[in-house]
């Protein structure tokens, strides 16, 4: 069992104790949004906005989308080589994910779709990896490090 903190669209936080396999949407589960797997926090944090974005992309493009990192404690973030300024420490409205078995055109479409959403940080990396964050930057920042 874990505690799921869900940031709703109105900004309020809903808290509930759920099983790891609790579905937060049609294709995504609570365990995919664990704060980090190293500190035994048993805490998953995600915003409804991010869930909606990931689910929409999964449905629209029919791609396998795998969340890889949501919120992180500062200690864990440093341990894995993350920046001391990382937006992952904000816990909500930040996610990394991988899209497996996608063509370059499909990945370009995802990147362009993310630019249309209200994300202030959008990163693209090799191997179908992406980063999204929202609300923690002074200006929109987009990067492509393929």
N, C-alpha and C. Protein backbone atom coordinates (compact mmCIF):
# COMPACT_ATOMS: atom_id res chain seq x y z
N UNK A 1 0.85 -1.19 0.00
CA UNK A 1 0.00 0.00 0.00
C UNK A 1 0.89 1.24 0.00
N UNK A 2 0.42 2.27 -0.70
CA UNK A 2 1.14 3.54 -0.76
C UNK A 2 0.14 4.68 -0.58
N UNK A 3 0.67 5.83 -0.26
CA UNK A 3 -0.16 7.03 -0.22
C UNK A 3 -0.05 7.71 -1.58
N UNK A 4 -1.18 7.94 -2.20
CA UNK A 4 -1.25 8.64 -3.48
C UNK A 4 -1.71 10.07 -3.21
N UNK A 5 -0.89 11.02 -3.61
CA UNK A 5 -1.28 12.43 -3.58
C UNK A 5 -1.54 12.85 -5.02
N UNK A 6 -2.78 13.21 -5.29
CA UNK A 6 -3.19 13.60 -6.63
C UNK A 6 -3.52 15.08 -6.64
N UNK A 7 -2.76 15.85 -7.41
CA UNK A 7 -3.05 17.27 -7.55
C UNK A 7 -4.12 17.42 -8.62
N UNK A 8 -5.28 17.89 -8.21
CA UNK A 8 -6.41 18.02 -9.12
C UNK A 8 -6.26 19.28 -9.98
N UNK A 9 -7.09 19.38 -10.99
CA UNK A 9 -7.02 20.50 -11.92
C UNK A 9 -7.27 21.84 -11.25
N UNK A 10 -8.03 21.85 -10.15
CA UNK A 10 -8.29 23.10 -9.43
C UNK A 10 -7.19 23.45 -8.44
N UNK A 11 -6.13 22.61 -8.38
CA UNK A 11 -4.99 22.88 -7.50
C UNK A 11 -5.07 22.22 -6.13
N UNK A 12 -6.23 21.66 -5.80
CA UNK A 12 -6.34 20.97 -4.51
C UNK A 12 -5.64 19.62 -4.59
N UNK A 13 -5.27 19.09 -3.43
CA UNK A 13 -4.57 17.81 -3.36
C UNK A 13 -5.49 16.78 -2.72
N UNK A 14 -5.69 15.68 -3.39
CA UNK A 14 -6.47 14.57 -2.86
C UNK A 14 -5.49 13.52 -2.36
N UNK A 15 -5.69 13.03 -1.16
CA UNK A 15 -4.81 12.01 -0.58
C UNK A 15 -5.60 10.75 -0.30
N UNK A 16 -5.04 9.61 -0.71
CA UNK A 16 -5.68 8.33 -0.39
C UNK A 16 -4.65 7.22 -0.37
N UNK A 17 -4.91 6.24 0.45
CA UNK A 17 -4.04 5.06 0.52
C UNK A 17 -4.56 4.06 -0.50
N UNK A 18 -3.67 3.61 -1.39
CA UNK A 18 -4.06 2.73 -2.49
C UNK A 18 -3.04 1.61 -2.65
N UNK A 19 -3.43 0.61 -3.38
CA UNK A 19 -2.54 -0.47 -3.78
C UNK A 19 -1.61 0.07 -4.87
N UNK A 20 -0.43 -0.52 -5.01
CA UNK A 20 0.51 -0.11 -6.05
C UNK A 20 -0.11 -0.17 -7.44
N UNK A 21 -1.00 -1.13 -7.65
CA UNK A 21 -1.63 -1.32 -8.97
C UNK A 21 -2.93 -0.52 -9.13
N UNK A 22 -3.16 0.45 -8.26
CA UNK A 22 -4.33 1.32 -8.38
C UNK A 22 -4.23 2.09 -9.69
N UNK A 23 -5.29 2.05 -10.48
CA UNK A 23 -5.29 2.75 -11.76
C UNK A 23 -5.61 4.23 -11.57
N UNK A 24 -4.71 5.08 -12.02
CA UNK A 24 -4.97 6.52 -11.99
C UNK A 24 -5.60 6.98 -13.29
N UNK A 25 -5.52 6.14 -14.32
CA UNK A 25 -6.20 6.36 -15.59
C UNK A 25 -6.31 5.01 -16.29
N UNK A 26 -6.81 5.00 -17.49
CA UNK A 26 -7.01 3.75 -18.22
C UNK A 26 -5.72 2.94 -18.36
N UNK A 27 -4.60 3.62 -18.58
CA UNK A 27 -3.34 2.91 -18.85
C UNK A 27 -2.22 3.15 -17.85
N UNK A 28 -2.47 3.91 -16.80
CA UNK A 28 -1.39 4.24 -15.86
C UNK A 28 -1.78 3.88 -14.42
N UNK A 29 -0.75 3.49 -13.66
CA UNK A 29 -0.93 3.00 -12.30
C UNK A 29 -0.20 3.88 -11.30
N UNK A 30 -0.63 3.84 -10.06
CA UNK A 30 -0.03 4.65 -9.00
C UNK A 30 1.47 4.41 -8.87
N UNK A 31 1.93 3.16 -8.95
CA UNK A 31 3.35 2.87 -8.75
C UNK A 31 4.25 3.57 -9.76
N UNK A 32 3.69 3.96 -10.91
CA UNK A 32 4.50 4.63 -11.93
C UNK A 32 4.85 6.07 -11.55
N UNK A 33 4.25 6.56 -10.47
CA UNK A 33 4.48 7.94 -10.05
C UNK A 33 5.04 8.02 -8.64
N UNK A 34 5.71 6.94 -8.20
CA UNK A 34 6.36 6.96 -6.89
C UNK A 34 7.36 8.10 -6.85
N UNK A 35 7.45 8.77 -5.72
CA UNK A 35 8.37 9.91 -5.59
C UNK A 35 9.78 9.49 -5.98
N UNK A 36 10.27 8.43 -5.46
CA UNK A 36 11.48 7.75 -5.93
C UNK A 36 11.56 6.41 -5.23
N UNK A 37 12.19 5.47 -5.87
CA UNK A 37 12.19 4.12 -5.36
C UNK A 37 13.27 3.82 -4.35
N UNK A 38 14.01 4.81 -3.90
CA UNK A 38 15.18 4.55 -3.08
C UNK A 38 15.01 4.88 -1.60
N UNK A 39 14.06 5.72 -1.25
CA UNK A 39 13.96 6.20 0.13
C UNK A 39 12.83 5.55 0.93
N UNK A 40 12.19 4.52 0.38
CA UNK A 40 11.11 3.82 1.06
C UNK A 40 10.01 4.76 1.56
N UNK A 41 9.66 5.74 0.75
CA UNK A 41 8.64 6.70 1.15
C UNK A 41 7.22 6.16 1.00
N UNK A 42 7.02 5.20 0.12
CA UNK A 42 5.68 4.70 -0.16
C UNK A 42 4.72 5.84 -0.49
N UNK A 43 5.19 6.74 -1.33
CA UNK A 43 4.44 7.94 -1.68
C UNK A 43 4.48 8.13 -3.19
N UNK A 44 3.30 8.28 -3.78
CA UNK A 44 3.20 8.58 -5.20
C UNK A 44 2.54 9.95 -5.33
N UNK A 45 3.12 10.80 -6.15
CA UNK A 45 2.58 12.15 -6.37
C UNK A 45 2.47 12.40 -7.86
N UNK A 46 1.32 12.87 -8.28
CA UNK A 46 1.13 13.17 -9.69
C UNK A 46 -0.01 14.18 -9.82
N UNK A 47 0.05 14.95 -10.88
CA UNK A 47 -1.04 15.90 -11.12
C UNK A 47 -1.99 15.30 -12.16
N UNK A 48 -3.25 15.63 -12.00
CA UNK A 48 -4.25 15.18 -12.97
C UNK A 48 -3.91 15.69 -14.36
N UNK A 49 -3.30 16.87 -14.43
CA UNK A 49 -2.91 17.45 -15.71
C UNK A 49 -1.92 16.54 -16.43
N UNK A 50 -0.91 16.06 -15.69
CA UNK A 50 0.08 15.17 -16.31
C UNK A 50 -0.54 13.83 -16.69
N UNK A 51 -1.40 13.31 -15.84
CA UNK A 51 -2.08 12.06 -16.17
C UNK A 51 -2.88 12.23 -17.46
N UNK A 52 -3.63 13.33 -17.54
CA UNK A 52 -4.43 13.59 -18.73
C UNK A 52 -3.54 13.70 -19.97
N UNK A 53 -2.40 14.38 -19.85
CA UNK A 53 -1.47 14.52 -20.98
C UNK A 53 -0.95 13.17 -21.43
N UNK A 54 -0.45 12.37 -20.49
CA UNK A 54 0.10 11.06 -20.84
C UNK A 54 -0.96 10.14 -21.41
N UNK A 55 -2.14 10.14 -20.80
CA UNK A 55 -3.21 9.28 -21.28
C UNK A 55 -3.67 9.70 -22.67
N UNK A 56 -3.77 11.00 -22.89
CA UNK A 56 -4.19 11.49 -24.20
C UNK A 56 -3.19 11.05 -25.27
N UNK A 57 -1.88 11.19 -24.97
CA UNK A 57 -0.87 10.77 -25.94
C UNK A 57 -0.93 9.27 -26.18
N UNK A 58 -1.16 8.51 -25.14
CA UNK A 58 -1.26 7.05 -25.26
C UNK A 58 -2.43 6.69 -26.15
N UNK A 59 -3.56 7.33 -25.95
CA UNK A 59 -4.76 7.05 -26.73
C UNK A 59 -4.63 7.56 -28.16
N UNK A 60 -4.19 8.80 -28.31
CA UNK A 60 -4.10 9.43 -29.62
C UNK A 60 -3.09 8.75 -30.52
N UNK A 61 -1.90 8.49 -29.99
CA UNK A 61 -0.82 7.95 -30.81
C UNK A 61 -0.69 6.43 -30.72
N UNK A 62 -1.36 5.81 -29.74
CA UNK A 62 -1.28 4.37 -29.59
C UNK A 62 0.11 3.88 -29.22
N UNK A 63 0.86 4.71 -28.51
CA UNK A 63 2.24 4.38 -28.16
C UNK A 63 2.36 3.88 -26.73
N UNK A 64 3.38 3.08 -26.50
CA UNK A 64 3.69 2.61 -25.16
C UNK A 64 4.46 3.71 -24.44
N UNK A 65 3.82 4.34 -23.45
CA UNK A 65 4.44 5.42 -22.69
C UNK A 65 4.70 4.92 -21.29
N UNK A 66 5.96 5.02 -20.86
CA UNK A 66 6.34 4.50 -19.55
C UNK A 66 6.92 5.63 -18.70
N UNK A 67 6.18 6.09 -17.67
CA UNK A 67 6.75 7.08 -16.75
C UNK A 67 7.99 6.49 -16.08
N UNK A 68 9.05 7.31 -15.97
CA UNK A 68 10.30 6.81 -15.37
C UNK A 68 10.70 7.57 -14.12
N UNK A 69 10.23 8.81 -13.97
CA UNK A 69 10.62 9.57 -12.80
C UNK A 69 9.66 10.73 -12.60
N UNK A 70 9.03 10.74 -11.44
CA UNK A 70 8.14 11.85 -11.10
C UNK A 70 8.88 12.73 -10.10
N UNK A 71 8.28 12.98 -8.96
CA UNK A 71 8.95 13.78 -7.94
C UNK A 71 10.13 13.03 -7.35
N UNK A 72 11.10 13.79 -6.84
CA UNK A 72 12.28 13.21 -6.20
C UNK A 72 12.62 13.99 -4.95
N UNK A 73 13.09 13.29 -3.93
CA UNK A 73 13.63 14.01 -2.79
C UNK A 73 14.95 14.65 -3.22
N UNK A 74 15.34 15.77 -2.62
CA UNK A 74 16.62 16.39 -2.99
C UNK A 74 17.80 15.41 -2.84
N UNK A 75 17.78 14.59 -1.79
CA UNK A 75 18.86 13.63 -1.56
C UNK A 75 18.96 12.64 -2.72
N UNK A 76 17.83 12.09 -3.13
CA UNK A 76 17.82 11.13 -4.22
C UNK A 76 18.21 11.80 -5.53
N UNK A 77 17.74 13.01 -5.75
CA UNK A 77 18.04 13.72 -6.98
C UNK A 77 19.55 13.91 -7.14
N UNK A 78 20.23 14.28 -6.07
CA UNK A 78 21.70 14.44 -6.11
C UNK A 78 22.35 13.08 -6.35
N UNK A 79 21.86 12.04 -5.69
CA UNK A 79 22.43 10.70 -5.82
C UNK A 79 22.46 10.23 -7.27
N UNK A 80 21.41 10.54 -8.04
CA UNK A 80 21.35 10.07 -9.42
C UNK A 80 21.94 11.08 -10.41
N UNK A 81 22.59 12.11 -9.89
CA UNK A 81 23.25 13.08 -10.75
C UNK A 81 22.39 14.22 -11.21
N UNK A 82 21.24 14.41 -10.59
CA UNK A 82 20.35 15.51 -10.95
C UNK A 82 20.86 16.84 -10.43
N UNK A 83 20.37 17.89 -11.01
CA UNK A 83 20.75 19.25 -10.63
C UNK A 83 20.18 19.63 -9.27
N UNK A 84 20.90 20.45 -8.54
CA UNK A 84 20.37 20.97 -7.27
C UNK A 84 19.17 21.89 -7.53
N UNK A 85 19.03 22.35 -8.76
CA UNK A 85 17.92 23.22 -9.17
C UNK A 85 16.78 22.43 -9.83
N UNK A 86 16.83 21.12 -9.76
CA UNK A 86 15.89 20.27 -10.48
C UNK A 86 14.43 20.55 -10.09
N UNK A 87 13.59 20.59 -11.09
CA UNK A 87 12.15 20.75 -10.86
C UNK A 87 11.52 19.49 -10.29
N UNK A 88 12.22 18.36 -10.33
CA UNK A 88 11.69 17.12 -9.75
C UNK A 88 11.46 17.27 -8.24
N UNK A 89 12.20 18.16 -7.60
CA UNK A 89 12.04 18.36 -6.15
C UNK A 89 10.71 19.03 -5.81
N UNK A 90 10.02 19.58 -6.79
CA UNK A 90 8.71 20.20 -6.54
C UNK A 90 7.61 19.16 -6.39
N UNK A 91 7.93 17.90 -6.65
CA UNK A 91 7.06 16.74 -6.49
C UNK A 91 5.94 16.67 -7.54
N UNK A 92 5.12 17.69 -7.67
CA UNK A 92 4.01 17.66 -8.62
C UNK A 92 4.39 18.36 -9.92
N UNK A 93 3.60 18.09 -10.96
CA UNK A 93 3.74 18.76 -12.26
C UNK A 93 5.10 18.56 -12.90
N UNK A 94 5.71 17.42 -12.67
CA UNK A 94 6.98 17.10 -13.30
C UNK A 94 7.06 15.59 -13.52
N UNK A 95 7.42 15.21 -14.72
CA UNK A 95 7.53 13.79 -15.06
C UNK A 95 8.53 13.58 -16.18
N UNK A 96 9.24 12.48 -16.07
CA UNK A 96 10.06 11.98 -17.16
C UNK A 96 9.37 10.72 -17.65
N UNK A 97 9.46 10.46 -18.94
CA UNK A 97 8.87 9.25 -19.48
C UNK A 97 9.61 8.83 -20.74
N UNK A 98 9.43 7.56 -21.08
CA UNK A 98 10.03 6.99 -22.29
C UNK A 98 8.90 6.49 -23.17
N UNK A 99 9.05 6.70 -24.46
CA UNK A 99 8.12 6.15 -25.43
C UNK A 99 8.90 5.10 -26.22
N UNK A 100 8.51 3.86 -26.05
CA UNK A 100 9.19 2.76 -26.72
C UNK A 100 8.60 2.48 -28.09
N UNK A 101 9.42 2.00 -28.99
CA UNK A 101 8.99 1.51 -30.31
C UNK A 101 8.22 2.56 -31.11
N UNK A 102 8.69 3.78 -31.10
CA UNK A 102 8.04 4.84 -31.86
C UNK A 102 8.96 5.28 -33.00
N UNK A 103 8.34 5.72 -34.07
CA UNK A 103 9.12 6.26 -35.19
C UNK A 103 9.55 7.69 -34.85
N UNK A 104 10.51 8.21 -35.59
CA UNK A 104 10.93 9.60 -35.38
C UNK A 104 9.78 10.57 -35.63
N UNK A 105 8.94 10.27 -36.59
CA UNK A 105 7.79 11.13 -36.87
C UNK A 105 6.83 11.13 -35.68
N UNK A 106 6.57 9.97 -35.10
CA UNK A 106 5.70 9.90 -33.92
C UNK A 106 6.29 10.67 -32.75
N UNK A 107 7.60 10.54 -32.54
CA UNK A 107 8.26 11.27 -31.45
C UNK A 107 8.22 12.78 -31.70
N UNK A 108 8.37 13.19 -32.96
CA UNK A 108 8.25 14.61 -33.31
C UNK A 108 6.84 15.10 -33.00
N UNK A 109 5.84 14.29 -33.31
CA UNK A 109 4.45 14.67 -33.04
C UNK A 109 4.21 14.84 -31.54
N UNK A 110 4.77 13.93 -30.73
CA UNK A 110 4.64 14.03 -29.28
C UNK A 110 5.30 15.33 -28.80
N UNK A 111 6.51 15.60 -29.27
CA UNK A 111 7.24 16.81 -28.87
C UNK A 111 6.43 18.05 -29.21
N UNK A 112 5.85 18.09 -30.40
CA UNK A 112 5.04 19.24 -30.80
C UNK A 112 3.75 19.34 -29.99
N UNK A 113 3.15 18.21 -29.67
CA UNK A 113 1.95 18.21 -28.83
C UNK A 113 2.27 18.79 -27.45
N UNK A 114 3.39 18.37 -26.88
CA UNK A 114 3.77 18.87 -25.55
C UNK A 114 3.97 20.38 -25.56
N UNK A 115 4.46 20.92 -26.66
CA UNK A 115 4.65 22.36 -26.78
C UNK A 115 3.31 23.11 -26.74
N UNK A 116 2.24 22.44 -27.16
CA UNK A 116 0.92 23.07 -27.16
C UNK A 116 0.27 23.07 -25.78
N UNK A 117 0.74 22.21 -24.89
CA UNK A 117 0.21 22.14 -23.53
C UNK A 117 0.84 23.26 -22.69
N UNK A 118 0.41 23.43 -21.48
CA UNK A 118 0.89 24.52 -20.63
C UNK A 118 2.15 24.16 -19.84
N UNK A 119 3.05 23.43 -20.46
CA UNK A 119 4.31 23.08 -19.79
C UNK A 119 5.31 24.21 -19.96
N UNK A 120 6.05 24.48 -18.92
CA UNK A 120 7.09 25.52 -19.01
C UNK A 120 8.47 24.91 -19.22
N UNK A 121 8.58 23.61 -19.06
CA UNK A 121 9.82 22.90 -19.35
C UNK A 121 9.52 21.63 -20.12
N UNK A 122 10.10 21.53 -21.33
CA UNK A 122 9.89 20.35 -22.16
C UNK A 122 11.25 19.94 -22.71
N UNK A 123 11.65 18.73 -22.37
CA UNK A 123 12.93 18.23 -22.86
C UNK A 123 12.77 16.95 -23.64
N UNK A 124 13.60 16.81 -24.66
CA UNK A 124 13.62 15.60 -25.47
C UNK A 124 15.04 15.06 -25.49
N UNK A 125 15.15 13.74 -25.32
CA UNK A 125 16.45 13.08 -25.24
C UNK A 125 16.50 11.88 -26.18
N UNK A 126 17.67 11.30 -26.31
CA UNK A 126 17.84 10.09 -27.12
C UNK A 126 16.99 8.96 -26.55
N UNK A 127 16.66 8.03 -27.43
CA UNK A 127 15.95 6.83 -26.99
C UNK A 127 14.49 7.04 -26.64
N UNK A 128 13.85 8.09 -27.16
CA UNK A 128 12.44 8.33 -26.90
C UNK A 128 12.14 8.83 -25.51
N UNK A 129 13.15 9.43 -24.85
CA UNK A 129 12.96 9.96 -23.49
C UNK A 129 12.51 11.42 -23.54
N UNK A 130 11.60 11.77 -22.61
CA UNK A 130 11.08 13.13 -22.51
C UNK A 130 11.04 13.58 -21.05
N UNK A 131 11.06 14.89 -20.86
CA UNK A 131 10.87 15.52 -19.55
C UNK A 131 9.81 16.59 -19.73
N UNK A 132 8.87 16.68 -18.77
CA UNK A 132 7.89 17.76 -18.77
C UNK A 132 7.79 18.31 -17.35
N UNK A 133 7.68 19.62 -17.26
CA UNK A 133 7.36 20.24 -15.97
C UNK A 133 6.53 21.47 -16.23
N UNK A 134 5.85 21.91 -15.19
CA UNK A 134 4.88 22.98 -15.37
C UNK A 134 4.85 23.89 -14.15
N UNK A 135 5.00 25.18 -14.41
CA UNK A 135 4.77 26.16 -13.37
C UNK A 135 5.95 26.55 -12.50
N UNK A 136 7.16 26.08 -12.80
CA UNK A 136 8.29 26.35 -11.93
C UNK A 136 9.39 27.16 -12.62
N UNK A 137 9.11 27.72 -13.76
CA UNK A 137 10.10 28.49 -14.51
C UNK A 137 9.53 29.88 -14.83
N UNK A 138 10.44 30.83 -15.01
CA UNK A 138 10.02 32.19 -15.37
C UNK A 138 9.59 32.30 -16.82
N UNK A 139 10.09 31.40 -17.66
CA UNK A 139 9.76 31.44 -19.08
C UNK A 139 9.70 30.01 -19.61
N UNK A 140 9.09 29.85 -20.76
CA UNK A 140 9.01 28.54 -21.38
C UNK A 140 10.41 28.13 -21.84
N UNK A 141 10.82 26.93 -21.44
CA UNK A 141 12.12 26.41 -21.81
C UNK A 141 11.94 25.07 -22.50
N UNK A 142 12.43 24.97 -23.73
CA UNK A 142 12.33 23.75 -24.51
C UNK A 142 13.73 23.36 -24.95
N UNK A 143 14.07 22.07 -24.79
CA UNK A 143 15.39 21.62 -25.23
C UNK A 143 15.27 20.28 -25.93
N UNK A 144 16.19 20.05 -26.83
CA UNK A 144 16.25 18.80 -27.60
C UNK A 144 17.69 18.31 -27.55
N UNK A 145 17.95 17.28 -26.78
CA UNK A 145 19.31 16.77 -26.59
C UNK A 145 19.47 15.37 -27.20
N UNK A 146 18.94 15.21 -28.40
CA UNK A 146 19.10 13.92 -29.07
C UNK A 146 20.47 13.81 -29.67
